[in-house]
Amino acid sequence: MDVLDKYLTVWILGAMAVGVGLGSVAPWVTQPIRDLHLVEIGLILMMYPPLAKADYSRLPTVFSNWRVLGLSLVQNWLIGPTLMVGLAVVFFGGVVPGLPARPEFFLGLVFIGMARCIAMVLVWNELADGSTEYVTGLVAFNSLFQILTYGVYVWFFALVLPSILGLESLVAGITTFDVTPMQVFRAIVVFLGIPFLVGFLTRFVGTRHKGTEWYEETVVPAIDPLTLVALLFTIVVMFATQGGAILAAPGDVLLIAVPLTIYFVVMFLVSFGMGRGIGADYSTTTAIGFTAASNNFELAIAVAVAVFGVGSGVAFATVVGPLIEVPVLLALVNVALFFRRRFDWDGFDAGSLETSPTDD
């Protein structure tokens, strides 16, 4: 696995190229991938090791730190949605000369911006040596909030706000979005609930029968490689399903990629800075940064397809999302590791779990 770790960027870029090539030369693979739910299976498998490694005895400490939780709430449910909608208006609202209105891409970005990440953030945080306990707690915290708010946020930012801004053409002919809490709940159960339950049971049974030391030295190294292997598999099948679309409309892909890239980078840097600003240690700050910078594309895609259809421009925009997230968030993993070396973290102990008890 040292070779895989050392050249991870190369393998991920290679997996993206293989996926696009496969989808282009053999478009018939798309249907089996969807029928067998290979993307969903890959996402669940790559999330399992981080969730099996998390020390759940420390979660009460995580949830008791209201400074970190409050910061995550502001980042995910105020700054993030506002930034994404602002970028959607600039690039697809027809307000900037040379950039015509593209209502379908505007709505796609809104669907993405309102869906906070519950899946791949665990992998990016793991690669950057962030706190598994904090990212698990923050994802769970935001998941509960998402069930209650996603439909309301989509309704406000996609239907109400354009009218307030005088951009009614962006939602012309659309009167409602039928996004129910149950739809959001189902997505969270599949992409977070299943790996969370299996990971928790793995750690619980292992530590109770053999002890924490045996679990950390035997089980964790055995399951650790699954994260990166499953990540590469997921990238291949994800990109394969969109290989034809990417090659057929590369201009649209690049156009959507620009605001998404700006969003990921700005959200990560701002959130990382805010985490350091409250005195959080590196692992906690990293968990805060990646939780805020990632999005729940699975939910955004599911809702876009359900409302507008799989062949719609809205669905296309949501699908482009994870294709851009993979290389950009991978680059931000390296940025986080650079920040760990570059900055002095002595005295930054807010959110530290070093003194928390561990399970035996």
Protein backbone atom coordinates (compact mmCIF):
# COMPACT_ATOMS: atom_id res chain seq x y z
CA MET A 1 0.00 0.00 0.00
CA ASP A 2 3.02 2.31 0.27
CA VAL A 3 3.08 2.58 -3.52
CA LEU A 4 -0.63 3.41 -3.59
CA ASP A 5 -0.23 6.04 -0.88
CA LYS A 6 2.87 7.60 -2.40
CA TYR A 7 1.44 7.98 -5.89
CA LEU A 8 -2.20 8.51 -4.90
CA THR A 9 -2.61 11.57 -7.13
CA VAL A 10 -1.38 9.58 -10.12
CA TRP A 11 -3.73 6.68 -9.39
CA ILE A 12 -6.74 8.97 -8.97
CA LEU A 13 -6.04 10.83 -12.20
CA GLY A 14 -5.53 7.48 -13.89
CA ALA A 15 -8.82 6.18 -12.49
CA MET A 16 -10.59 9.27 -13.84
CA ALA A 17 -9.06 8.71 -17.29
CA VAL A 18 -9.95 5.02 -17.26
CA GLY A 19 -13.52 5.82 -16.25
CA VAL A 20 -14.02 8.43 -18.97
CA GLY A 21 -12.42 6.18 -21.56
CA LEU A 22 -14.53 3.21 -20.53
CA GLY A 23 -17.74 5.22 -20.66
CA SER A 24 -16.80 6.61 -24.05
CA VAL A 25 -15.74 3.43 -25.87
CA ALA A 26 -18.21 1.13 -24.09
CA PRO A 27 -21.28 3.23 -23.23
CA TRP A 28 -23.26 0.05 -22.57
CA VAL A 29 -21.47 -0.28 -19.18
CA THR A 30 -23.47 2.64 -17.82
CA GLN A 31 -26.68 0.67 -17.35
CA PRO A 32 -25.11 -2.27 -15.47
CA ILE A 33 -23.27 0.18 -13.21
CA ARG A 34 -26.57 1.84 -12.35
CA ASP A 35 -28.54 -1.41 -12.10
CA LEU A 36 -25.97 -2.96 -9.76
CA HIS A 37 -25.61 0.31 -7.77
CA LEU A 38 -21.82 0.10 -8.10
CA VAL A 39 -21.27 3.80 -7.31
CA GLU A 40 -23.32 3.48 -4.12
CA ILE A 41 -21.49 0.30 -3.12
CA GLY A 42 -18.13 1.95 -3.73
CA LEU A 43 -19.08 4.96 -1.60
CA ILE A 44 -20.21 2.75 1.27
CA LEU A 45 -17.07 0.60 1.11
CA MET A 46 -14.69 3.57 1.12
CA MET A 47 -16.49 5.12 4.12
CA TYR A 48 -16.37 1.93 6.20
CA PRO A 49 -12.70 2.00 7.34
CA PRO A 50 -12.74 5.59 8.68
CA LEU A 51 -15.97 4.86 10.56
CA ALA A 52 -14.54 1.60 11.91
CA LYS A 53 -11.45 3.50 13.11
CA ALA A 54 -13.39 6.24 14.92
CA ASP A 55 -13.24 6.11 18.72
CA TYR A 56 -16.93 6.51 19.51
CA SER A 57 -16.27 6.94 23.22
CA ARG A 58 -14.99 10.40 22.32
CA LEU A 59 -18.15 11.55 20.53
CA PRO A 60 -19.74 12.98 23.71
CA THR A 61 -16.71 15.29 23.94
CA VAL A 62 -17.15 16.22 20.27
CA PHE A 63 -20.81 17.08 20.72
CA SER A 64 -20.12 19.00 23.92
CA ASN A 65 -17.82 21.43 22.10
CA TRP A 66 -20.39 24.00 21.01
CA ARG A 67 -17.73 26.35 19.68
CA VAL A 68 -16.73 23.83 17.01
CA LEU A 69 -20.30 22.69 16.35
CA GLY A 70 -21.53 26.27 16.11
CA LEU A 71 -18.72 27.14 13.70
CA SER A 72 -19.59 24.12 11.53
CA LEU A 73 -23.26 25.12 11.56
CA VAL A 74 -22.43 28.64 10.34
CA GLN A 75 -20.09 27.34 7.65
CA ASN A 76 -22.42 24.65 6.33
CA TRP A 77 -25.78 26.35 6.56
CA LEU A 78 -25.03 30.04 6.13
CA ILE A 79 -21.71 30.64 4.37
CA GLY A 80 -21.75 27.57 2.09
CA PRO A 81 -25.24 27.93 0.58
CA THR A 82 -24.86 31.69 0.22
CA LEU A 83 -21.52 31.37 -1.56
CA MET A 84 -22.80 28.68 -3.93
CA VAL A 85 -25.90 30.67 -4.86
CA GLY A 86 -23.78 33.77 -5.37
CA LEU A 87 -21.49 31.88 -7.75
CA ALA A 88 -24.51 30.38 -9.54
CA VAL A 89 -25.96 33.86 -10.10
CA VAL A 90 -22.64 35.27 -11.35
CA PHE A 91 -21.91 32.44 -13.77
CA PHE A 92 -25.40 31.36 -14.85
CA GLY A 93 -27.75 34.21 -13.93
CA GLY A 94 -27.12 36.29 -17.04
CA VAL A 95 -25.90 39.24 -14.96
CA VAL A 96 -22.31 39.23 -16.25
CA PRO A 97 -21.58 40.27 -19.85
CA GLY A 98 -20.45 37.29 -21.89
CA LEU A 99 -22.06 34.77 -19.56
CA PRO A 100 -25.63 34.12 -20.75
CA ALA A 101 -28.33 32.89 -18.39
CA ARG A 102 -28.31 29.10 -18.00
CA PRO A 103 -31.27 28.31 -15.71
CA GLU A 104 -30.58 24.57 -15.74
CA PHE A 105 -27.01 25.03 -14.50
CA PHE A 106 -28.14 27.63 -11.98
CA LEU A 107 -30.59 25.15 -10.47
CA GLY A 108 -28.00 22.38 -10.54
CA LEU A 109 -25.58 24.44 -8.48
CA VAL A 110 -28.36 25.34 -6.05
CA PHE A 111 -29.18 21.66 -5.57
CA ILE A 112 -25.47 20.97 -4.91
CA GLY A 113 -24.94 23.92 -2.59
CA MET A 114 -27.82 23.03 -0.31
CA ALA A 115 -26.66 19.40 0.15
CA ARG A 116 -23.95 19.19 2.79
CA CYS A 117 -21.48 16.32 2.55
CA ILE A 118 -22.03 13.00 4.32
CA ALA A 119 -19.78 10.66 2.32
CA MET A 120 -16.49 11.50 0.61
CA VAL A 121 -15.54 14.06 3.26
CA LEU A 122 -14.58 11.10 5.45
CA VAL A 123 -12.01 10.02 2.87
CA TRP A 124 -10.51 13.49 2.29
CA ASN A 125 -10.27 14.04 6.04
CA GLU A 126 -8.63 10.63 6.45
CA LEU A 127 -6.03 11.35 3.78
CA ALA A 128 -5.20 14.69 5.42
CA ASP A 129 -4.86 13.12 8.91
CA GLY A 130 -7.86 15.01 10.25
CA SER A 131 -9.78 13.94 13.35
CA THR A 132 -11.95 10.94 12.53
CA GLU A 133 -14.04 11.55 15.63
CA TYR A 134 -14.71 15.18 14.78
CA VAL A 135 -15.52 14.57 11.13
CA THR A 136 -17.87 11.74 12.17
CA GLY A 137 -19.58 13.97 14.72
CA LEU A 138 -19.84 16.94 12.36
CA VAL A 139 -21.23 14.78 9.54
CA ALA A 140 -23.83 13.28 11.88
CA PHE A 141 -24.69 16.75 13.20
CA ASN A 142 -25.11 18.19 9.70
CA SER A 143 -27.04 15.13 8.51
CA LEU A 144 -29.73 15.68 11.13
CA PHE A 145 -29.91 19.35 10.21
CA GLN A 146 -30.07 18.45 6.51
CA ILE A 147 -33.14 16.26 6.93
CA LEU A 148 -35.05 19.23 8.30
CA THR A 149 -33.73 21.99 6.08
CA TYR A 150 -32.79 20.73 2.60
CA GLY A 151 -36.24 21.13 1.08
CA VAL A 152 -36.69 24.55 2.66
CA TYR A 153 -33.30 25.74 1.47
CA VAL A 154 -33.90 24.56 -2.10
CA TRP A 155 -37.32 26.23 -2.10
CA PHE A 156 -35.94 29.56 -0.86
CA PHE A 157 -32.73 29.79 -2.90
CA ALA A 158 -34.16 28.31 -6.12
CA LEU A 159 -37.68 29.78 -6.14
CA VAL A 160 -37.90 32.78 -3.82
CA LEU A 161 -34.47 34.43 -4.09
CA PRO A 162 -34.38 34.72 -7.93
CA SER A 163 -37.64 36.67 -7.83
CA ILE A 164 -36.27 38.95 -5.14
CA LEU A 165 -33.19 39.59 -7.28
CA GLY A 166 -35.27 40.21 -10.40
CA LEU A 167 -34.06 37.00 -12.07
CA GLU A 168 -37.43 35.32 -12.55
CA SER A 169 -36.29 33.82 -15.87
CA LEU A 170 -34.06 31.39 -13.96
CA VAL A 171 -37.09 29.56 -12.58
CA ALA A 172 -39.70 30.39 -15.23
CA GLY A 173 -42.44 27.77 -15.32
CA ILE A 174 -41.33 26.11 -12.08
CA THR A 175 -43.81 26.46 -9.26
CA THR A 176 -42.59 23.95 -6.68
CA PHE A 177 -39.95 21.38 -5.80
CA ASP A 178 -41.33 18.26 -4.21
CA VAL A 179 -38.35 17.56 -1.95
CA THR A 180 -39.53 15.79 1.19
CA PRO A 181 -37.60 15.12 4.40
CA MET A 182 -38.08 11.40 3.73
CA GLN A 183 -36.13 11.65 0.44
CA VAL A 184 -33.24 13.28 2.27
CA PHE A 185 -33.52 10.77 5.12
CA ARG A 186 -33.30 7.81 2.74
CA ALA A 187 -30.13 9.19 1.12
CA ILE A 188 -28.54 9.72 4.53
CA VAL A 189 -29.49 6.22 5.72
CA VAL A 190 -27.88 4.63 2.66
CA PHE A 191 -24.71 6.70 2.39
CA LEU A 192 -24.04 7.34 6.08
CA GLY A 193 -26.23 5.01 8.15
CA ILE A 194 -25.06 1.71 6.64
CA PRO A 195 -21.27 2.29 6.86
CA PHE A 196 -21.70 3.99 10.24
CA LEU A 197 -23.57 0.99 11.70
CA VAL A 198 -21.14 -1.57 10.27
CA GLY A 199 -18.12 0.47 11.32
CA PHE A 200 -19.46 1.00 14.84
CA LEU A 201 -20.26 -2.71 15.27
CA THR A 202 -16.83 -3.71 13.95
CA ARG A 203 -15.08 -1.53 16.52
CA PHE A 204 -17.47 -2.41 19.34
CA VAL A 205 -17.15 -6.18 18.85
CA GLY A 206 -13.41 -6.06 18.19
CA THR A 207 -12.47 -3.92 21.19
CA ARG A 208 -14.81 -5.75 23.56
CA HIS A 209 -13.49 -9.22 22.65
CA LYS A 210 -9.80 -8.51 22.02
CA GLY A 211 -9.16 -5.06 23.47
CA THR A 212 -8.32 -1.68 21.97
CA GLU A 213 -4.63 -2.36 21.49
CA TRP A 214 -5.28 -5.54 19.47
CA TYR A 215 -7.95 -3.76 17.43
CA GLU A 216 -5.71 -0.80 16.61
CA GLU A 217 -2.72 -2.99 15.73
CA THR A 218 -4.52 -5.80 13.88
CA VAL A 219 -7.94 -4.81 12.53
CA VAL A 220 -7.26 -1.19 11.57
CA PRO A 221 -4.20 -1.97 9.38
CA ALA A 222 -6.15 -4.81 7.75
CA ILE A 223 -9.14 -2.65 6.71
CA ASP A 224 -7.25 0.60 6.07
CA PRO A 225 -6.32 -0.17 2.43
CA LEU A 226 -10.00 -0.62 1.58
CA THR A 227 -10.55 3.14 1.70
CA LEU A 228 -8.21 3.94 -1.17
CA VAL A 229 -9.04 0.84 -3.19
CA ALA A 230 -12.77 1.59 -2.91
CA LEU A 231 -12.10 5.26 -3.73
CA LEU A 232 -10.35 4.31 -6.98
CA PHE A 233 -13.12 1.85 -7.85
CA THR A 234 -15.79 4.48 -7.18
CA ILE A 235 -13.99 7.04 -9.34
CA VAL A 236 -13.75 4.60 -12.25
CA VAL A 237 -17.45 3.64 -12.21
CA MET A 238 -18.60 7.21 -11.49
CA PHE A 239 -16.65 8.66 -14.38
CA ALA A 240 -17.66 5.75 -16.64
CA THR A 241 -21.33 6.65 -16.24
CA GLN A 242 -20.58 10.16 -17.51
CA GLY A 243 -17.77 9.48 -19.98
CA GLY A 244 -19.93 10.13 -23.04
CA ALA A 245 -21.46 13.31 -21.61
CA ILE A 246 -18.06 14.69 -20.60
CA LEU A 247 -16.59 14.18 -24.07
CA ALA A 248 -19.77 15.36 -25.81
CA ALA A 249 -19.95 18.68 -23.94
CA PRO A 250 -16.49 19.51 -22.57
CA GLY A 251 -17.24 23.23 -22.74
CA ASP A 252 -20.23 22.87 -20.41
CA VAL A 253 -18.19 20.71 -18.04
CA LEU A 254 -15.48 23.36 -17.85
CA LEU A 255 -18.06 26.11 -17.40
CA ILE A 256 -19.64 24.31 -14.45
CA ALA A 257 -16.20 23.40 -13.11
CA VAL A 258 -15.12 27.02 -12.61
CA PRO A 259 -17.68 28.08 -9.96
CA LEU A 260 -17.45 24.67 -8.28
CA THR A 261 -13.67 24.93 -8.02
CA ILE A 262 -13.93 28.44 -6.61
CA TYR A 263 -16.49 27.17 -4.11
CA PHE A 264 -14.39 24.23 -2.89
CA VAL A 265 -11.22 26.28 -2.52
CA VAL A 266 -12.84 29.29 -0.84
CA MET A 267 -14.90 27.18 1.55
CA PHE A 268 -11.90 25.12 2.58
CA LEU A 269 -9.55 28.07 3.09
CA VAL A 270 -12.14 30.18 4.93
CA SER A 271 -13.26 27.29 7.12
CA PHE A 272 -9.68 26.20 7.83
CA GLY A 273 -8.84 29.77 8.77
CA MET A 274 -11.90 30.02 11.01
CA GLY A 275 -10.99 26.75 12.71
CA ARG A 276 -7.48 27.96 13.40
CA GLY A 277 -8.97 31.29 14.44
CA ILE A 278 -10.85 29.66 17.35
CA GLY A 279 -7.65 27.92 18.42
CA ALA A 280 -8.51 24.44 17.17
CA ASP A 281 -5.70 21.93 16.77
CA TYR A 282 -4.68 20.67 13.33
CA SER A 283 -6.82 17.52 13.26
CA THR A 284 -9.95 19.38 14.36
CA THR A 285 -9.31 22.30 11.99
CA THR A 286 -8.86 19.86 9.10
CA ALA A 287 -12.14 18.12 9.92
CA ILE A 288 -13.88 21.51 10.04
CA GLY A 289 -12.37 22.55 6.68
CA PHE A 290 -13.25 19.43 4.73
CA THR A 291 -16.73 19.12 6.24
CA ALA A 292 -17.53 22.63 5.03
CA ALA A 293 -15.87 22.28 1.61
CA SER A 294 -17.57 19.05 0.53
CA ASN A 295 -21.12 18.45 -0.67
CA ASN A 296 -23.62 15.60 -0.71
CA PHE A 297 -23.70 15.04 -4.47
CA GLU A 298 -25.60 11.79 -4.10
CA LEU A 299 -28.56 13.67 -2.66
CA ALA A 300 -28.30 16.52 -5.19
CA ILE A 301 -28.21 14.09 -8.12
CA ALA A 302 -31.11 12.03 -6.77
CA VAL A 303 -33.31 15.09 -6.31
CA ALA A 304 -32.38 16.62 -9.68
CA VAL A 305 -33.16 13.37 -11.50
CA ALA A 306 -36.43 12.92 -9.63
CA VAL A 307 -37.62 16.47 -10.35
CA PHE A 308 -36.24 17.16 -13.84
CA GLY A 309 -35.29 13.78 -15.28
CA VAL A 310 -31.99 12.02 -15.89
CA GLY A 311 -31.39 13.75 -19.24
CA SER A 312 -31.95 17.29 -17.97
CA GLY A 313 -29.36 20.02 -17.78
CA VAL A 314 -30.03 20.29 -14.05
CA ALA A 315 -29.12 16.63 -13.54
CA PHE A 316 -26.05 17.08 -15.75
CA ALA A 317 -24.82 19.96 -13.60
CA THR A 318 -25.21 17.92 -10.41
CA VAL A 319 -23.36 14.98 -11.98
CA VAL A 320 -20.43 17.21 -12.96
CA GLY A 321 -20.11 18.09 -9.26
CA PRO A 322 -18.33 14.97 -7.99
CA LEU A 323 -16.21 14.84 -11.13
CA ILE A 324 -14.77 18.22 -10.12
CA GLU A 325 -14.72 17.52 -6.39
CA VAL A 326 -12.37 14.54 -6.70
CA PRO A 327 -9.31 16.33 -8.16
CA VAL A 328 -9.92 19.62 -6.31
CA LEU A 329 -10.41 18.06 -2.88
CA LEU A 330 -7.42 15.81 -3.47
CA ALA A 331 -5.36 18.95 -4.11
CA LEU A 332 -6.77 20.46 -0.90
CA VAL A 333 -5.62 17.38 1.01
CA ASN A 334 -2.09 18.36 0.04
CA VAL A 335 -2.82 21.97 0.99
CA ALA A 336 -3.93 20.83 4.45
CA LEU A 337 -0.78 18.75 4.92
CA PHE A 338 1.28 21.78 3.82
CA PHE A 339 -0.50 23.92 6.42
CA ARG A 340 0.36 21.36 9.09
CA ARG A 341 4.06 21.72 8.24
CA ARG A 342 3.97 25.45 7.57
CA PHE A 343 2.19 26.72 10.70
CA ASP A 344 3.11 26.37 14.35
CA TRP A 345 0.31 24.44 16.06
CA ASP A 346 1.68 24.71 19.60
CA GLY A 347 -1.00 26.12 21.87
CA PHE A 348 -3.78 25.34 19.41
CA ASP A 349 -5.66 22.81 21.49
CA ALA A 350 -9.34 23.76 21.16
CA GLY A 351 -11.25 20.61 20.32
CA SER A 352 -8.29 18.37 21.17
CA LEU A 353 -9.34 14.84 22.11
CA GLU A 354 -5.93 13.74 23.35
CA THR A 355 -7.09 13.66 26.96
CA SER A 356 -10.39 11.95 26.20
CA PRO A 357 -10.90 8.38 27.40
CA THR A 358 -10.61 5.47 25.00
CA ASP A 359 -12.59 2.29 24.97
CA ASP A 360 -10.99 -0.86 26.29
